[in-house]
Amino acid sequence: MEKNRNIAVYPGSFDPVTYGHLDIIRRAAKLFDKLVVAVLNNSSKKPFFTAEERTDMLRRVTEDLLNVQIDYFQGLLIHYMSKNGIPIIVRGSAQ
């Protein structure tokens, strides 16, 4: 990925993806040229769905959002962001 100031990452386990996740994805997609939804693959946890299944689910439910890219990563988020030139993190909050 090229360095771009208007790119953000929305990281999470997404196990499974929820309507709340989709709401954040749709709202963030309007704010940035590119939004990377990054699925955390944490080998120390036992998720209900595999990283590949979660990634596939997210691709299906966001296929209409042309500026959204689905990816997965292991390790620290800061390393993923640095490697991919992403300067912004999107997070949700409880209401």
PDB file of N, CA and C in Angstrom:
ATOM      1  N   MET A   1       0.832  -1.176   0.000  1.00  0.00           N
ATOM      2  CA  MET A   1       0.000   0.000   0.000  1.00  0.00           C
ATOM      3  C   MET A   1       0.876   1.240   0.000  1.00  0.00           C
ATOM      4  N   GLU A   2       0.435   2.255  -0.693  1.00  0.00           N
ATOM      5  CA  GLU A   2       1.188   3.496  -0.706  1.00  0.00           C
ATOM      6  C   GLU A   2       0.803   4.365   0.482  1.00  0.00           C
ATOM      7  N   LYS A   3       1.711   5.244   0.867  1.00  0.00           N
ATOM      8  CA  LYS A   3       1.405   6.158   1.969  1.00  0.00           C
ATOM      9  C   LYS A   3       0.343   7.137   1.503  1.00  0.00           C
ATOM     10  N   ASN A   4      -0.682   7.278   2.324  1.00  0.00           N
ATOM     11  CA  ASN A   4      -1.792   8.143   1.985  1.00  0.00           C
ATOM     12  C   ASN A   4      -2.356   8.681   3.294  1.00  0.00           C
ATOM     13  N   ARG A   5      -2.477   9.961   3.409  1.00  0.00           N
ATOM     14  CA  ARG A   5      -2.987  10.564   4.632  1.00  0.00           C
ATOM     15  C   ARG A   5      -4.483  10.287   4.824  1.00  0.00           C
ATOM     16  N   ASN A   6      -5.200   9.963   3.767  1.00  0.00           N
ATOM     17  CA  ASN A   6      -6.640   9.755   3.886  1.00  0.00           C
ATOM     18  C   ASN A   6      -6.996   8.275   3.823  1.00  0.00           C
ATOM     19  N   ILE A   7      -6.206   7.490   4.526  1.00  0.00           N
ATOM     20  CA  ILE A   7      -6.459   6.051   4.623  1.00  0.00           C
ATOM     21  C   ILE A   7      -6.503   5.695   6.109  1.00  0.00           C
ATOM     22  N   ALA A   8      -7.418   4.800   6.443  1.00  0.00           N
ATOM     23  CA  ALA A   8      -7.573   4.407   7.843  1.00  0.00           C
ATOM     24  C   ALA A   8      -7.732   2.901   7.936  1.00  0.00           C
ATOM     25  N   VAL A   9      -7.483   2.390   9.140  1.00  0.00           N
ATOM     26  CA  VAL A   9      -7.677   0.969   9.402  1.00  0.00           C
ATOM     27  C   VAL A   9      -8.706   0.828  10.519  1.00  0.00           C
ATOM     28  N   TYR A  10      -9.599  -0.127  10.346  1.00  0.00           N
ATOM     29  CA  TYR A  10     -10.554  -0.502  11.383  1.00  0.00           C
ATOM     30  C   TYR A  10     -10.214  -1.937  11.777  1.00  0.00           C
ATOM     31  N   PRO A  11      -9.465  -2.111  12.868  1.00  0.00           N
ATOM     32  CA  PRO A  11      -9.036  -3.443  13.277  1.00  0.00           C
ATOM     33  C   PRO A  11     -10.031  -4.102  14.224  1.00  0.00           C
ATOM     34  N   GLY A  12     -10.044  -5.419  14.231  1.00  0.00           N
ATOM     35  CA  GLY A  12     -10.876  -6.136  15.181  1.00  0.00           C
ATOM     36  C   GLY A  12     -10.842  -7.627  14.935  1.00  0.00           C
ATOM     37  N   SER A  13     -11.476  -8.357  15.842  1.00  0.00           N
ATOM     38  CA  SER A  13     -11.551  -9.808  15.660  1.00  0.00           C
ATOM     39  C   SER A  13     -12.719 -10.181  14.747  1.00  0.00           C
ATOM     40  N   PHE A  14     -13.813  -9.421  14.809  1.00  0.00           N
ATOM     41  CA  PHE A  14     -14.980  -9.645  13.948  1.00  0.00           C
ATOM     42  C   PHE A  14     -15.438 -11.102  14.001  1.00  0.00           C
ATOM     43  N   ASP A  15     -15.601 -11.605  15.208  1.00  0.00           N
ATOM     44  CA  ASP A  15     -15.926 -13.025  15.417  1.00  0.00           C
ATOM     45  C   ASP A  15     -17.249 -13.196  16.157  1.00  0.00           C
ATOM     46  N   PRO A  16     -18.353 -13.050  15.463  1.00  0.00           N
ATOM     47  CA  PRO A  16     -18.546 -12.749  14.039  1.00  0.00           C
ATOM     48  C   PRO A  16     -18.728 -11.253  13.814  1.00  0.00           C
ATOM     49  N   VAL A  17     -18.813 -10.871  12.539  1.00  0.00           N
ATOM     50  CA  VAL A  17     -19.114  -9.493  12.188  1.00  0.00           C
ATOM     51  C   VAL A  17     -20.558  -9.201  12.614  1.00  0.00           C
ATOM     52  N   THR A  18     -20.783  -8.005  13.166  1.00  0.00           N
ATOM     53  CA  THR A  18     -22.101  -7.629  13.667  1.00  0.00           C
ATOM     54  C   THR A  18     -22.624  -6.406  12.916  1.00  0.00           C
ATOM     55  N   TYR A  19     -23.897  -6.090  13.147  1.00  0.00           N
ATOM     56  CA  TYR A  19     -24.464  -4.875  12.566  1.00  0.00           C
ATOM     57  C   TYR A  19     -23.748  -3.638  13.102  1.00  0.00           C
ATOM     58  N   GLY A  20     -23.290  -3.687  14.338  1.00  0.00           N
ATOM     59  CA  GLY A  20     -22.512  -2.586  14.894  1.00  0.00           C
ATOM     60  C   GLY A  20     -21.216  -2.374  14.142  1.00  0.00           C
ATOM     61  N   HIS A  21     -20.526  -3.467  13.821  1.00  0.00           N
ATOM     62  CA  HIS A  21     -19.310  -3.370  13.004  1.00  0.00           C
ATOM     63  C   HIS A  21     -19.632  -2.748  11.649  1.00  0.00           C
ATOM     64  N   LEU A  22     -20.693  -3.235  11.022  1.00  0.00           N
ATOM     65  CA  LEU A  22     -21.062  -2.727   9.698  1.00  0.00           C
ATOM     66  C   LEU A  22     -21.416  -1.253   9.738  1.00  0.00           C
ATOM     67  N   ASP A  23     -22.062  -0.814  10.798  1.00  0.00           N
ATOM     68  CA  ASP A  23     -22.393   0.602  10.939  1.00  0.00           C
ATOM     69  C   ASP A  23     -21.117   1.442  10.972  1.00  0.00           C
ATOM     70  N   ILE A  24     -20.148   1.009  11.751  1.00  0.00           N
ATOM     71  CA  ILE A  24     -18.875   1.735  11.836  1.00  0.00           C
ATOM     72  C   ILE A  24     -18.163   1.712  10.487  1.00  0.00           C
ATOM     73  N   ILE A  25     -18.141   0.567   9.820  1.00  0.00           N
ATOM     74  CA  ILE A  25     -17.497   0.452   8.510  1.00  0.00           C
ATOM     75  C   ILE A  25     -18.142   1.401   7.512  1.00  0.00           C
ATOM     76  N   ARG A  26     -19.465   1.416   7.448  1.00  0.00           N
ATOM     77  CA  ARG A  26     -20.167   2.271   6.488  1.00  0.00           C
ATOM     78  C   ARG A  26     -19.942   3.750   6.778  1.00  0.00           C
ATOM     79  N   ARG A  27     -19.959   4.132   8.049  1.00  0.00           N
ATOM     80  CA  ARG A  27     -19.728   5.541   8.387  1.00  0.00           C
ATOM     81  C   ARG A  27     -18.284   5.943   8.107  1.00  0.00           C
ATOM     82  N   ALA A  28     -17.328   5.083   8.450  1.00  0.00           N
ATOM     83  CA  ALA A  28     -15.913   5.397   8.218  1.00  0.00           C
ATOM     84  C   ALA A  28     -15.588   5.436   6.725  1.00  0.00           C
ATOM     85  N   ALA A  29     -16.242   4.600   5.942  1.00  0.00           N
ATOM     86  CA  ALA A  29     -15.997   4.568   4.495  1.00  0.00           C
ATOM     87  C   ALA A  29     -16.356   5.903   3.850  1.00  0.00           C
ATOM     88  N   LYS A  30     -17.264   6.642   4.459  1.00  0.00           N
ATOM     89  CA  LYS A  30     -17.647   7.958   3.938  1.00  0.00           C
ATOM     90  C   LYS A  30     -16.611   9.031   4.285  1.00  0.00           C
ATOM     91  N   LEU A  31     -15.797   8.772   5.290  1.00  0.00           N
ATOM     92  CA  LEU A  31     -14.838   9.769   5.766  1.00  0.00           C
ATOM     93  C   LEU A  31     -13.454   9.664   5.136  1.00  0.00           C
ATOM     94  N   PHE A  32     -13.126   8.481   4.603  1.00  0.00           N
ATOM     95  CA  PHE A  32     -11.777   8.237   4.102  1.00  0.00           C
ATOM     96  C   PHE A  32     -11.806   7.783   2.653  1.00  0.00           C
ATOM     97  N   ASP A  33     -10.708   8.089   1.936  1.00  0.00           N
ATOM     98  CA  ASP A  33     -10.579   7.598   0.557  1.00  0.00           C
ATOM     99  C   ASP A  33     -10.501   6.079   0.545  1.00  0.00           C
ATOM    100  N   LYS A  34      -9.842   5.527   1.570  1.00  0.00           N
ATOM    101  CA  LYS A  34      -9.689   4.076   1.667  1.00  0.00           C
ATOM    102  C   LYS A  34      -9.794   3.662   3.125  1.00  0.00           C
ATOM    103  N   LEU A  35     -10.565   2.618   3.369  1.00  0.00           N
ATOM    104  CA  LEU A  35     -10.693   2.042   4.701  1.00  0.00           C
ATOM    105  C   LEU A  35     -10.284   0.579   4.626  1.00  0.00           C
ATOM    106  N   VAL A  36      -9.307   0.212   5.425  1.00  0.00           N
ATOM    107  CA  VAL A  36      -8.876  -1.178   5.506  1.00  0.00           C
ATOM    108  C   VAL A  36      -9.495  -1.775   6.759  1.00  0.00           C
ATOM    109  N   VAL A  37     -10.314  -2.797   6.584  1.00  0.00           N
ATOM    110  CA  VAL A  37     -10.876  -3.533   7.714  1.00  0.00           C
ATOM    111  C   VAL A  37      -9.933  -4.708   7.938  1.00  0.00           C
ATOM    112  N   ALA A  38      -9.217  -4.668   9.050  1.00  0.00           N
ATOM    113  CA  ALA A  38      -8.161  -5.642   9.313  1.00  0.00           C
ATOM    114  C   ALA A  38      -8.593  -6.621  10.397  1.00  0.00           C
ATOM    115  N   VAL A  39      -8.701  -7.872  10.016  1.00  0.00           N
ATOM    116  CA  VAL A  39      -9.104  -8.942  10.927  1.00  0.00           C
ATOM    117  C   VAL A  39      -7.875  -9.431  11.677  1.00  0.00           C
ATOM    118  N   LEU A  40      -7.959  -9.375  13.002  1.00  0.00           N
ATOM    119  CA  LEU A  40      -6.861  -9.858  13.834  1.00  0.00           C
ATOM    120  C   LEU A  40      -6.898 -11.379  13.896  1.00  0.00           C
ATOM    121  N   ASN A  41      -5.795 -11.995  13.560  1.00  0.00           N
ATOM    122  CA  ASN A  41      -5.649 -13.445  13.663  1.00  0.00           C
ATOM    123  C   ASN A  41      -4.755 -13.720  14.864  1.00  0.00           C
ATOM    124  N   ASN A  42      -5.386 -13.889  16.026  1.00  0.00           N
ATOM    125  CA  ASN A  42      -4.654 -14.100  17.282  1.00  0.00           C
ATOM    126  C   ASN A  42      -4.564 -15.602  17.554  1.00  0.00           C
ATOM    127  N   SER A  43      -3.378 -16.155  17.385  1.00  0.00           N
ATOM    128  CA  SER A  43      -3.204 -17.609  17.529  1.00  0.00           C
ATOM    129  C   SER A  43      -3.361 -18.083  18.974  1.00  0.00           C
ATOM    130  N   SER A  44      -3.337 -17.168  19.943  1.00  0.00           N
ATOM    131  CA  SER A  44      -3.485 -17.583  21.338  1.00  0.00           C
ATOM    132  C   SER A  44      -4.952 -17.710  21.763  1.00  0.00           C
ATOM    133  N   LYS A  45      -5.858 -17.266  20.905  1.00  0.00           N
ATOM    134  CA  LYS A  45      -7.289 -17.386  21.198  1.00  0.00           C
ATOM    135  C   LYS A  45      -7.924 -18.421  20.288  1.00  0.00           C
ATOM    136  N   LYS A  46      -9.068 -18.925  20.693  1.00  0.00           N
ATOM    137  CA  LYS A  46      -9.797 -19.902  19.877  1.00  0.00           C
ATOM    138  C   LYS A  46     -11.099 -19.264  19.397  1.00  0.00           C
ATOM    139  N   PRO A  47     -11.044 -18.597  18.238  1.00  0.00           N
ATOM    140  CA  PRO A  47     -12.238 -17.927  17.726  1.00  0.00           C
ATOM    141  C   PRO A  47     -13.263 -18.931  17.211  1.00  0.00           C
ATOM    142  N   PHE A  48     -14.498 -18.486  17.128  1.00  0.00           N
ATOM    143  CA  PHE A  48     -15.563 -19.334  16.593  1.00  0.00           C
ATOM    144  C   PHE A  48     -15.341 -19.575  15.103  1.00  0.00           C
ATOM    145  N   PHE A  49     -14.951 -18.519  14.377  1.00  0.00           N
ATOM    146  CA  PHE A  49     -14.671 -18.629  12.943  1.00  0.00           C
ATOM    147  C   PHE A  49     -13.175 -18.432  12.697  1.00  0.00           C
ATOM    148  N   THR A  50     -12.644 -19.073  11.661  1.00  0.00           N
ATOM    149  CA  THR A  50     -11.243 -18.882  11.295  1.00  0.00           C
ATOM    150  C   THR A  50     -11.055 -17.473  10.725  1.00  0.00           C
ATOM    151  N   ALA A  51      -9.810 -17.022  10.653  1.00  0.00           N
ATOM    152  CA  ALA A  51      -9.519 -15.708  10.066  1.00  0.00           C
ATOM    153  C   ALA A  51      -9.989 -15.653   8.616  1.00  0.00           C
ATOM    154  N   GLU A  52      -9.836 -16.744   7.898  1.00  0.00           N
ATOM    155  CA  GLU A  52     -10.262 -16.786   6.505  1.00  0.00           C
ATOM    156  C   GLU A  52     -11.786 -16.665   6.397  1.00  0.00           C
ATOM    157  N   GLU A  53     -12.511 -17.337   7.288  1.00  0.00           N
ATOM    158  CA  GLU A  53     -13.979 -17.252   7.274  1.00  0.00           C
ATOM    159  C   GLU A  53     -14.445 -15.840   7.628  1.00  0.00           C
ATOM    160  N   ARG A  54     -13.818 -15.237   8.626  1.00  0.00           N
ATOM    161  CA  ARG A  54     -14.188 -13.878   9.023  1.00  0.00           C
ATOM    162  C   ARG A  54     -13.879 -12.890   7.908  1.00  0.00           C
ATOM    163  N   THR A  55     -12.734 -13.070   7.254  1.00  0.00           N
ATOM    164  CA  THR A  55     -12.352 -12.208   6.138  1.00  0.00           C
ATOM    165  C   THR A  55     -13.357 -12.352   4.998  1.00  0.00           C
ATOM    166  N   ASP A  56     -13.742 -13.573   4.696  1.00  0.00           N
ATOM    167  CA  ASP A  56     -14.715 -13.831   3.631  1.00  0.00           C
ATOM    168  C   ASP A  56     -16.075 -13.212   3.964  1.00  0.00           C
ATOM    169  N   MET A  57     -16.517 -13.364   5.220  1.00  0.00           N
ATOM    170  CA  MET A  57     -17.796 -12.761   5.631  1.00  0.00           C
ATOM    171  C   MET A  57     -17.765 -11.252   5.431  1.00  0.00           C
ATOM    172  N   LEU A  58     -16.679 -10.628   5.848  1.00  0.00           N
ATOM    173  CA  LEU A  58     -16.561  -9.175   5.708  1.00  0.00           C
ATOM    174  C   LEU A  58     -16.531  -8.757   4.244  1.00  0.00           C
ATOM    175  N   ARG A  59     -15.852  -9.514   3.403  1.00  0.00           N
ATOM    176  CA  ARG A  59     -15.824  -9.184   1.968  1.00  0.00           C
ATOM    177  C   ARG A  59     -17.229  -9.232   1.379  1.00  0.00           C
ATOM    178  N   ARG A  60     -18.008 -10.219   1.787  1.00  0.00           N
ATOM    179  CA  ARG A  60     -19.368 -10.354   1.264  1.00  0.00           C
ATOM    180  C   ARG A  60     -20.273  -9.208   1.677  1.00  0.00           C
ATOM    181  N   VAL A  61     -20.186  -8.810   2.947  1.00  0.00           N
ATOM    182  CA  VAL A  61     -21.111  -7.788   3.439  1.00  0.00           C
ATOM    183  C   VAL A  61     -20.662  -6.362   3.121  1.00  0.00           C
ATOM    184  N   THR A  62     -19.438  -6.203   2.597  1.00  0.00           N
ATOM    185  CA  THR A  62     -18.962  -4.873   2.225  1.00  0.00           C
ATOM    186  C   THR A  62     -18.692  -4.752   0.730  1.00  0.00           C
ATOM    187  N   GLU A  63     -19.142  -5.702  -0.054  1.00  0.00           N
ATOM    188  CA  GLU A  63     -18.812  -5.693  -1.482  1.00  0.00           C
ATOM    189  C   GLU A  63     -19.337  -4.462  -2.214  1.00  0.00           C
ATOM    190  N   ASP A  64     -20.331  -3.790  -1.658  1.00  0.00           N
ATOM    191  CA  ASP A  64     -20.862  -2.584  -2.294  1.00  0.00           C
ATOM    192  C   ASP A  64     -20.055  -1.335  -1.949  1.00  0.00           C
ATOM    193  N   LEU A  65     -19.130  -1.438  -1.037  1.00  0.00           N
ATOM    194  CA  LEU A  65     -18.306  -0.297  -0.622  1.00  0.00           C
ATOM    195  C   LEU A  65     -16.963  -0.378  -1.345  1.00  0.00           C
ATOM    196  N   LEU A  66     -16.832   0.362  -2.414  1.00  0.00           N
ATOM    197  CA  LEU A  66     -15.679   0.230  -3.299  1.00  0.00           C
ATOM    198  C   LEU A  66     -14.362   0.697  -2.681  1.00  0.00           C
ATOM    199  N   ASN A  67     -14.416   1.527  -1.659  1.00  0.00           N
ATOM    200  CA  ASN A  67     -13.177   2.012  -1.038  1.00  0.00           C
ATOM    201  C   ASN A  67     -12.813   1.231   0.225  1.00  0.00           C
ATOM    202  N   VAL A  68     -13.488   0.115   0.456  1.00  0.00           N
ATOM    203  CA  VAL A  68     -13.200  -0.721   1.617  1.00  0.00           C
ATOM    204  C   VAL A  68     -12.426  -1.955   1.176  1.00  0.00           C
ATOM    205  N   GLN A  69     -11.310  -2.194   1.846  1.00  0.00           N
ATOM    206  CA  GLN A  69     -10.471  -3.369   1.583  1.00  0.00           C
ATOM    207  C   GLN A  69     -10.456  -4.215   2.845  1.00  0.00           C
ATOM    208  N   ILE A  70     -10.589  -5.520   2.686  1.00  0.00           N
ATOM    209  CA  ILE A  70     -10.550  -6.441   3.822  1.00  0.00           C
ATOM    210  C   ILE A  70      -9.193  -7.138   3.822  1.00  0.00           C
ATOM    211  N   ASP A  71      -8.586  -7.209   4.982  1.00  0.00           N
ATOM    212  CA  ASP A  71      -7.277  -7.839   5.121  1.00  0.00           C
ATOM    213  C   ASP A  71      -7.228  -8.513   6.494  1.00  0.00           C
ATOM    214  N   TYR A  72      -6.192  -9.268   6.758  1.00  0.00           N
ATOM    215  CA  TYR A  72      -6.014  -9.817   8.105  1.00  0.00           C
ATOM    216  C   TYR A  72      -4.541  -9.715   8.482  1.00  0.00           C
ATOM    217  N   PHE A  73      -4.312  -9.749   9.802  1.00  0.00           N
ATOM    218  CA  PHE A  73      -2.944  -9.602  10.273  1.00  0.00           C
ATOM    219  C   PHE A  73      -2.755 -10.344  11.583  1.00  0.00           C
ATOM    220  N   GLN A  74      -1.501 -10.614  11.895  1.00  0.00           N
ATOM    221  CA  GLN A  74      -1.089 -11.180  13.181  1.00  0.00           C
ATOM    222  C   GLN A  74      -0.095 -10.213  13.796  1.00  0.00           C
ATOM    223  N   GLY A  75       0.016 -10.242  15.089  1.00  0.00           N
ATOM    224  CA  GLY A  75       0.990  -9.383  15.745  1.00  0.00           C
ATOM    225  C   GLY A  75       0.395  -8.059  16.159  1.00  0.00           C
ATOM    226  N   LEU A  76       1.269  -7.066  16.253  1.00  0.00           N
ATOM    227  CA  LEU A  76       0.853  -5.760  16.732  1.00  0.00           C
ATOM    228  C   LEU A  76       0.264  -4.909  15.613  1.00  0.00           C
ATOM    229  N   LEU A  77      -0.798  -4.210  15.941  1.00  0.00           N
ATOM    230  CA  LEU A  77      -1.451  -3.324  14.978  1.00  0.00           C
ATOM    231  C   LEU A  77      -0.492  -2.254  14.473  1.00  0.00           C
ATOM    232  N   ILE A  78       0.324  -1.699  15.339  1.00  0.00           N
ATOM    233  CA  ILE A  78       1.253  -0.648  14.939  1.00  0.00           C
ATOM    234  C   ILE A  78       2.224  -1.132  13.865  1.00  0.00           C
ATOM    235  N   HIS A  79       2.626  -2.390  13.937  1.00  0.00           N
ATOM    236  CA  HIS A  79       3.506  -2.949  12.905  1.00  0.00           C
ATOM    237  C   HIS A  79       2.770  -3.073  11.580  1.00  0.00           C
ATOM    238  N   TYR A  80       1.513  -3.519  11.636  1.00  0.00           N
ATOM    239  CA  TYR A  80       0.694  -3.629  10.415  1.00  0.00           C
ATOM    240  C   TYR A  80       0.523  -2.245   9.779  1.00  0.00           C
ATOM    241  N   MET A  81       0.202  -1.257  10.608  1.00  0.00           N
ATOM    242  CA  MET A  81      -0.011   0.095  10.092  1.00  0.00           C
ATOM    243  C   MET A  81       1.260   0.668   9.481  1.00  0.00           C
ATOM    244  N   SER A  82       2.379   0.483  10.153  1.00  0.00           N
ATOM    245  CA  SER A  82       3.658   0.992   9.654  1.00  0.00           C
ATOM    246  C   SER A  82       4.026   0.333   8.326  1.00  0.00           C
ATOM    247  N   LYS A  83       3.868  -0.973   8.268  1.00  0.00           N
ATOM    248  CA  LYS A  83       4.189  -1.736   7.049  1.00  0.00           C
ATOM    249  C   LYS A  83       3.341  -1.293   5.869  1.00  0.00           C
ATOM    250  N   ASN A  84       2.075  -0.913   6.141  1.00  0.00           N
ATOM    251  CA  ASN A  84       1.136  -0.574   5.073  1.00  0.00           C
ATOM    252  C   ASN A  84       0.897   0.924   4.911  1.00  0.00           C
ATOM    253  N   GLY A  85       1.627   1.748   5.649  1.00  0.00           N
ATOM    254  CA  GLY A  85       1.519   3.200   5.482  1.00  0.00           C
ATOM    255  C   GLY A  85       0.169   3.759   5.883  1.00  0.00           C
ATOM    256  N   ILE A  86      -0.432   3.223   6.937  1.00  0.00           N
ATOM    257  CA  ILE A  86      -1.750   3.666   7.386  1.00  0.00           C
ATOM    258  C   ILE A  86      -1.578   4.510   8.649  1.00  0.00           C
ATOM    259  N   PRO A  87      -1.987   5.796   8.602  1.00  0.00           N
ATOM    260  CA  PRO A  87      -1.758   6.665   9.756  1.00  0.00           C
ATOM    261  C   PRO A  87      -2.923   6.784  10.746  1.00  0.00           C
ATOM    262  N   ILE A  88      -4.103   6.265  10.406  1.00  0.00           N
ATOM    263  CA  ILE A  88      -5.293   6.512  11.226  1.00  0.00           C
ATOM    264  C   ILE A  88      -5.952   5.204  11.623  1.00  0.00           C
ATOM    265  N   ILE A  89      -6.395   5.126  12.901  1.00  0.00           N
ATOM    266  CA  ILE A  89      -7.156   3.985  13.406  1.00  0.00           C
ATOM    267  C   ILE A  89      -8.593   4.418  13.633  1.00  0.00           C
ATOM    268  N   VAL A  90      -9.531   3.628  13.170  1.00  0.00           N
ATOM    269  CA  VAL A  90     -10.956   3.847  13.436  1.00  0.00           C
ATOM    270  C   VAL A  90     -11.370   2.881  14.532  1.00  0.00           C
ATOM    271  N   ARG A  91     -12.031   3.420  15.562  1.00  0.00           N
ATOM    272  CA  ARG A  91     -12.556   2.598  16.655  1.00  0.00           C
ATOM    273  C   ARG A  91     -13.974   3.014  16.944  1.00  0.00           C
ATOM    274  N   GLY A  92     -14.769   2.083  17.413  1.00  0.00           N
ATOM    275  CA  GLY A  92     -16.133   2.382  17.824  1.00  0.00           C
ATOM    276  C   GLY A  92     -16.171   2.694  19.293  1.00  0.00           C
ATOM    277  N   SER A  93     -17.322   3.145  19.749  1.00  0.00           N
ATOM    278  CA  SER A  93     -17.481   3.412  21.174  1.00  0.00           C
ATOM    279  C   SER A  93     -18.880   2.984  21.630  1.00  0.00           C
ATOM    280  N   ALA A  94     -19.000   2.673  22.886  1.00  0.00           N
ATOM    281  CA  ALA A  94     -20.296   2.325  23.457  1.00  0.00           C
ATOM    282  C   ALA A  94     -21.121   3.602  23.561  1.00  0.00           C
ATOM    283  N   GLN A  95     -22.394   3.460  23.363  1.00  0.00           N
ATOM    284  CA  GLN A  95     -23.266   4.640  23.434  1.00  0.00           C
ATOM    285  C   GLN A  95     -24.068   4.675  24.685  1.00  0.00           C
TER     286      GLN A  95
END
